Amino acid sequence: MTVAVLLVAGVGSRLRPLTDRCPKCLLSLGRETLLGRALRVLEAAGVTHFVLSAGYLEGKVREAARGLLTPVTVVSNPDHARVQNVVSLARALRAAPPGELIKLDGDLVFSEGLARRILQGKGEARCLVDRQSPLGAEEMKVQAAPDGRIARFGKGLDPGACLGESIGFERFGAGPRGALTEALEHALERGQTALYYEEVYNDLVARGLSLEPVFTDGEPWTEVDTPEDLEGARRLVESLGEGEGPPADGLRRGRGL
């Protein structure tokens, strides 16, 4: 079984007023919402179960997820406004069935080829890295060890010493998934709810986890944080032949997807 965890709990404050009454993940890209498109693309790439870690306007996420052919579990993070995504991820993993794990941020728009690339690549733990886009202050940068594996994540890292940008899309096989689950639970037990998941990844890598970069080269992707990003995402799906028109074939989607 391949399980995909999507983190969709955030408010999307930079997209207001669009997100005043609509979760970011349910904003329209044309024929589909952000979430509906992500689920369809991931299912086509081989995902067999979805876990959505929801928070802001959770009821609308639950309503939208009803009626899907592929099993979907919606997990609640009622504390989303005062904690960081380490809590959403930990709660999602508690509810996820056994199997290899795909974790991604719910505001990503990406090609099917990119999803297949991380599912089919080598290594038990893999992270999608964009090594072509310019690196600035806001990008989540990654440094590589001498052997090419990922050594560290951080926004404050020196861009000139970094491999590229982590796009928020990873795969964990059974062993690494167990280590990730344990590390997340230990963080929550210590009250470290202000952590980002990349800080937990840093701890795992420091303790010996082999995390392989998988490069996005040639496959399009974007994240949606602002109205400008949303317009860019719509242009991206149009360039893939997924613009306006009837809903895309594939995953049967409930209302809102």
Protein backbone atom coordinates (compact mmCIF):
# COMPACT_ATOMS: atom_id res chain seq x y z
CA MET A 1 0.00 0.00 0.00
CA THR A 2 1.16 3.51 -0.79
CA VAL A 3 -0.21 6.15 1.59
CA ALA A 4 -0.11 9.88 0.84
CA VAL A 5 -0.38 12.38 3.70
CA LEU A 6 -1.39 15.88 2.62
CA LEU A 7 -1.04 18.75 5.10
CA VAL A 8 -4.07 21.01 4.51
CA ALA A 9 -4.65 22.54 7.96
CA GLY A 10 -3.36 26.07 7.32
CA VAL A 11 -5.39 29.28 7.10
CA GLY A 12 -3.84 30.60 3.88
CA SER A 13 -3.82 34.14 5.24
CA ARG A 14 -1.86 35.58 2.31
CA LEU A 15 -4.68 34.51 -0.01
CA ARG A 16 -7.41 36.44 1.82
CA PRO A 17 -10.18 37.30 1.03
CA LEU A 18 -10.22 34.17 -1.17
CA THR A 19 -9.69 31.98 1.90
CA ASP A 20 -12.11 33.77 4.23
CA ARG A 21 -14.73 31.10 3.56
CA CYS A 22 -12.76 28.53 1.59
CA PRO A 23 -9.74 26.47 2.69
CA LYS A 24 -6.71 27.09 0.50
CA CYS A 25 -6.71 23.49 -0.72
CA LEU A 26 -10.22 23.95 -2.20
CA LEU A 27 -9.40 27.00 -4.30
CA SER A 28 -10.08 26.44 -7.98
CA LEU A 29 -7.43 25.79 -10.60
CA GLY A 30 -10.02 25.63 -13.38
CA ARG A 31 -11.49 22.16 -13.80
CA GLU A 32 -10.36 21.07 -10.34
CA THR A 33 -9.41 22.39 -6.94
CA LEU A 34 -5.86 22.25 -5.60
CA LEU A 35 -6.81 19.23 -3.50
CA GLY A 36 -8.87 17.47 -6.14
CA ARG A 37 -6.10 17.74 -8.68
CA ALA A 38 -3.44 16.55 -6.22
CA LEU A 39 -5.48 13.48 -5.31
CA ARG A 40 -6.12 12.60 -8.96
CA VAL A 41 -2.47 12.96 -9.94
CA LEU A 42 -1.25 10.97 -6.93
CA GLU A 43 -3.75 8.18 -7.55
CA ALA A 44 -2.60 7.95 -11.17
CA ALA A 45 0.99 7.66 -9.89
CA GLY A 46 0.10 4.73 -7.61
CA VAL A 47 -1.19 6.09 -4.28
CA THR A 48 -3.84 3.81 -2.78
CA HIS A 49 -4.87 5.66 0.41
CA PHE A 50 -4.99 9.34 1.37
CA VAL A 51 -4.75 10.99 4.78
CA LEU A 52 -5.69 14.67 4.94
CA SER A 53 -4.50 16.57 8.01
CA ALA A 54 -7.12 19.33 8.24
CA GLY A 55 -7.73 22.26 10.58
CA TYR A 56 -8.97 25.56 9.18
CA LEU A 57 -12.53 25.15 7.85
CA GLU A 58 -12.14 21.43 8.42
CA GLY A 59 -15.82 20.73 7.75
CA LYS A 60 -15.47 21.91 4.16
CA VAL A 61 -12.49 19.62 3.63
CA ARG A 62 -14.45 16.68 5.02
CA GLU A 63 -17.44 17.48 2.82
CA ALA A 64 -15.26 17.77 -0.27
CA ALA A 65 -13.57 14.43 0.43
CA ARG A 66 -16.81 12.44 0.59
CA GLY A 67 -17.55 9.96 -2.15
CA LEU A 68 -14.02 9.36 -3.41
CA LEU A 69 -13.27 5.92 -4.81
CA THR A 70 -9.81 5.85 -3.25
CA PRO A 71 -9.99 5.62 0.57
CA VAL A 72 -9.51 8.95 2.35
CA THR A 73 -9.00 9.54 6.07
CA VAL A 74 -9.44 13.08 7.37
CA VAL A 75 -7.56 13.87 10.59
CA SER A 76 -8.36 16.88 12.74
CA ASN A 77 -5.81 19.39 14.04
CA PRO A 78 -7.93 21.83 16.04
CA ASP A 79 -4.76 23.53 17.32
CA HIS A 80 -3.57 24.49 13.81
CA ALA A 81 -3.63 28.23 14.56
CA ARG A 82 -1.17 27.99 17.46
CA VAL A 83 1.15 25.11 16.51
CA GLN A 84 3.35 24.29 13.53
CA ASN A 85 3.05 21.53 10.96
CA VAL A 86 4.93 18.98 13.06
CA VAL A 87 1.63 18.48 14.94
CA SER A 88 -0.41 18.00 11.77
CA LEU A 89 2.07 15.46 10.45
CA ALA A 90 2.26 13.51 13.71
CA ARG A 91 -1.53 13.25 13.96
CA ALA A 92 -1.79 12.17 10.34
CA LEU A 93 0.75 9.39 10.82
CA ARG A 94 -1.20 8.04 13.79
CA ALA A 95 -4.19 7.53 11.50
CA ALA A 96 -2.33 6.33 8.40
CA PRO A 97 -2.54 2.64 7.50
CA PRO A 98 0.70 0.65 7.03
CA GLY A 99 2.67 1.09 3.84
CA GLU A 100 5.20 3.32 2.18
CA LEU A 101 4.51 6.98 2.94
CA ILE A 102 4.33 9.99 0.65
CA LYS A 103 4.16 13.34 2.48
CA LEU A 104 3.41 16.60 0.74
CA ASP A 105 2.17 20.08 1.48
CA GLY A 106 -1.40 20.65 0.36
CA ASP A 107 -0.60 23.80 -1.60
CA LEU A 108 1.64 22.08 -4.17
CA VAL A 109 0.72 21.87 -7.84
CA PHE A 110 2.88 19.35 -9.72
CA SER A 111 2.98 17.10 -12.75
CA GLU A 112 2.14 13.42 -12.71
CA GLY A 113 5.69 12.76 -13.87
CA LEU A 114 7.03 14.39 -10.72
CA ALA A 115 4.85 12.19 -8.52
CA ARG A 116 6.02 9.09 -10.36
CA ARG A 117 9.63 10.22 -10.08
CA ILE A 118 9.62 10.22 -6.27
CA LEU A 119 7.57 7.01 -6.05
CA GLN A 120 9.84 5.07 -8.37
CA GLY A 121 13.26 6.49 -7.48
CA LYS A 122 15.98 4.68 -5.57
CA GLY A 123 16.41 4.87 -1.81
CA GLU A 124 14.13 4.19 1.14
CA ALA A 125 13.85 7.90 1.98
CA ARG A 126 13.67 10.50 -0.77
CA CYS A 127 13.01 14.22 -1.03
CA LEU A 128 12.09 16.22 -4.14
CA VAL A 129 14.59 19.04 -4.69
CA ASP A 130 14.49 21.85 -7.25
CA ARG A 131 18.09 22.67 -8.18
CA GLN A 132 17.19 25.01 -11.06
CA SER A 133 15.13 27.80 -9.46
CA PRO A 134 16.91 30.73 -7.76
CA LEU A 135 17.26 30.53 -3.99
CA GLY A 136 16.20 33.45 -1.79
CA ALA A 137 15.34 34.07 1.84
CA GLU A 138 11.97 32.29 1.75
CA GLU A 139 12.96 29.04 0.06
CA MET A 140 13.44 25.92 2.21
CA LYS A 141 17.00 25.14 1.17
CA VAL A 142 18.87 21.85 1.41
CA GLN A 143 22.57 21.18 1.81
CA ALA A 144 24.19 18.00 0.56
CA ALA A 145 26.76 15.80 2.27
CA PRO A 146 29.92 14.84 0.31
CA ASP A 147 28.23 11.60 -0.80
CA GLY A 148 25.31 13.55 -2.32
CA ARG A 149 22.73 12.72 0.31
CA ILE A 150 20.81 15.49 2.05
CA ALA A 151 22.62 16.79 5.14
CA ARG A 152 20.45 19.69 6.30
CA PHE A 153 17.30 21.73 5.68
CA GLY A 154 16.82 25.41 6.50
CA LYS A 155 15.59 28.73 5.15
CA GLY A 156 18.60 30.50 6.66
CA LEU A 157 21.24 28.37 4.95
CA ASP A 158 23.71 30.02 2.57
CA PRO A 159 22.22 29.69 -0.93
CA GLY A 160 25.68 29.39 -2.44
CA ALA A 161 26.36 26.30 -0.35
CA CYS A 162 23.03 24.59 -1.05
CA LEU A 163 21.92 21.89 -3.43
CA GLY A 164 18.56 23.50 -4.13
CA GLU A 165 15.08 23.97 -2.69
CA SER A 166 13.03 21.29 -0.95
CA ILE A 167 9.54 21.56 -2.41
CA GLY A 168 7.77 19.84 0.50
CA PHE A 169 7.28 16.41 -1.08
CA GLU A 170 8.98 13.31 0.41
CA ARG A 171 8.78 9.52 0.43
CA PHE A 172 9.55 7.24 3.38
CA GLY A 173 9.75 3.47 3.17
CA ALA A 174 8.82 1.26 6.12
CA GLY A 175 12.03 1.75 8.12
CA PRO A 176 12.37 5.51 7.64
CA ARG A 177 8.64 5.94 8.22
CA GLY A 178 8.98 4.26 11.60
CA ALA A 179 11.91 6.51 12.51
CA LEU A 180 9.95 9.60 11.43
CA THR A 181 6.90 8.58 13.46
CA GLU A 182 9.02 8.01 16.55
CA ALA A 183 10.83 11.34 16.16
CA LEU A 184 7.55 13.24 15.74
CA GLU A 185 6.02 11.63 18.81
CA HIS A 186 9.12 12.37 20.89
CA ALA A 187 8.93 16.02 19.80
CA LEU A 188 5.30 16.28 20.90
CA GLU A 189 6.05 14.54 24.18
CA ARG A 190 8.66 17.22 24.85
CA GLY A 191 6.15 19.95 24.02
CA GLN A 192 8.01 20.99 20.85
CA THR A 193 4.89 21.94 18.93
CA ALA A 194 6.52 25.00 17.32
CA LEU A 195 8.75 22.85 15.10
CA TYR A 196 8.49 22.55 11.34
CA TYR A 197 8.79 19.02 10.00
CA GLU A 198 12.09 19.94 8.32
CA GLU A 199 13.60 20.40 11.79
CA VAL A 200 12.62 16.82 12.59
CA TYR A 201 14.17 15.72 9.28
CA ASN A 202 17.40 17.47 10.34
CA ASP A 203 17.47 15.44 13.53
CA LEU A 204 16.87 12.19 11.64
CA VAL A 205 19.60 12.94 9.11
CA ALA A 206 22.02 13.82 11.91
CA ARG A 207 21.28 10.44 13.47
CA GLY A 208 22.04 8.56 10.29
CA LEU A 209 18.94 8.58 8.09
CA SER A 210 19.95 8.31 4.43
CA LEU A 211 17.75 10.88 2.67
CA GLU A 212 18.27 10.94 -1.08
CA PRO A 213 17.52 14.00 -3.24
CA VAL A 214 15.29 13.41 -6.25
CA PHE A 215 15.55 16.33 -8.65
CA THR A 216 12.58 18.01 -10.27
CA ASP A 217 14.59 18.66 -13.47
CA GLY A 218 12.23 18.94 -16.43
CA GLU A 219 9.02 18.44 -14.41
CA PRO A 220 6.90 21.50 -13.51
CA TRP A 221 5.71 22.38 -10.03
CA THR A 222 4.69 25.39 -7.97
CA GLU A 223 3.31 26.20 -4.54
CA VAL A 224 0.38 28.49 -3.82
CA ASP A 225 0.83 31.09 -1.07
CA THR A 226 -0.41 34.30 -2.70
CA PRO A 227 -2.95 35.38 -5.35
CA GLU A 228 -0.05 35.72 -7.78
CA ASP A 229 0.98 32.14 -7.02
CA LEU A 230 -2.59 30.98 -7.67
CA GLU A 231 -2.61 32.62 -11.08
CA GLY A 232 0.74 31.01 -11.83
CA ALA A 233 -0.64 27.61 -10.79
CA ARG A 234 -3.59 28.07 -13.13
CA ARG A 235 -1.23 28.86 -15.98
CA LEU A 236 0.78 25.76 -15.13
CA VAL A 237 -2.22 23.42 -15.35
CA GLU A 238 -3.29 25.11 -18.57
CA SER A 239 0.16 24.40 -20.00
CA LEU A 240 -0.41 20.73 -19.11
CA GLY A 241 -3.74 20.73 -21.00
CA GLU A 242 -5.80 20.87 -17.81
CA GLY A 243 -7.41 24.30 -18.09
CA GLU A 244 -11.09 25.17 -18.27
CA GLY A 245 -13.63 22.55 -19.27
CA PRO A 246 -15.42 19.58 -17.74
CA PRO A 247 -13.89 17.89 -14.67
CA ALA A 248 -10.84 15.80 -15.45
CA ASP A 249 -11.26 12.03 -15.76
CA GLY A 250 -9.84 9.69 -13.14
CA LEU A 251 -10.45 9.86 -9.41
CA ARG A 252 -14.13 10.33 -8.59
CA ARG A 253 -14.34 13.48 -6.53
CA GLY A 254 -16.93 14.60 -3.99
CA ARG A 255 -18.49 18.04 -3.88
CA GLY A 256 -15.89 20.78 -3.89
CA LEU A 257 -13.10 18.72 -5.48
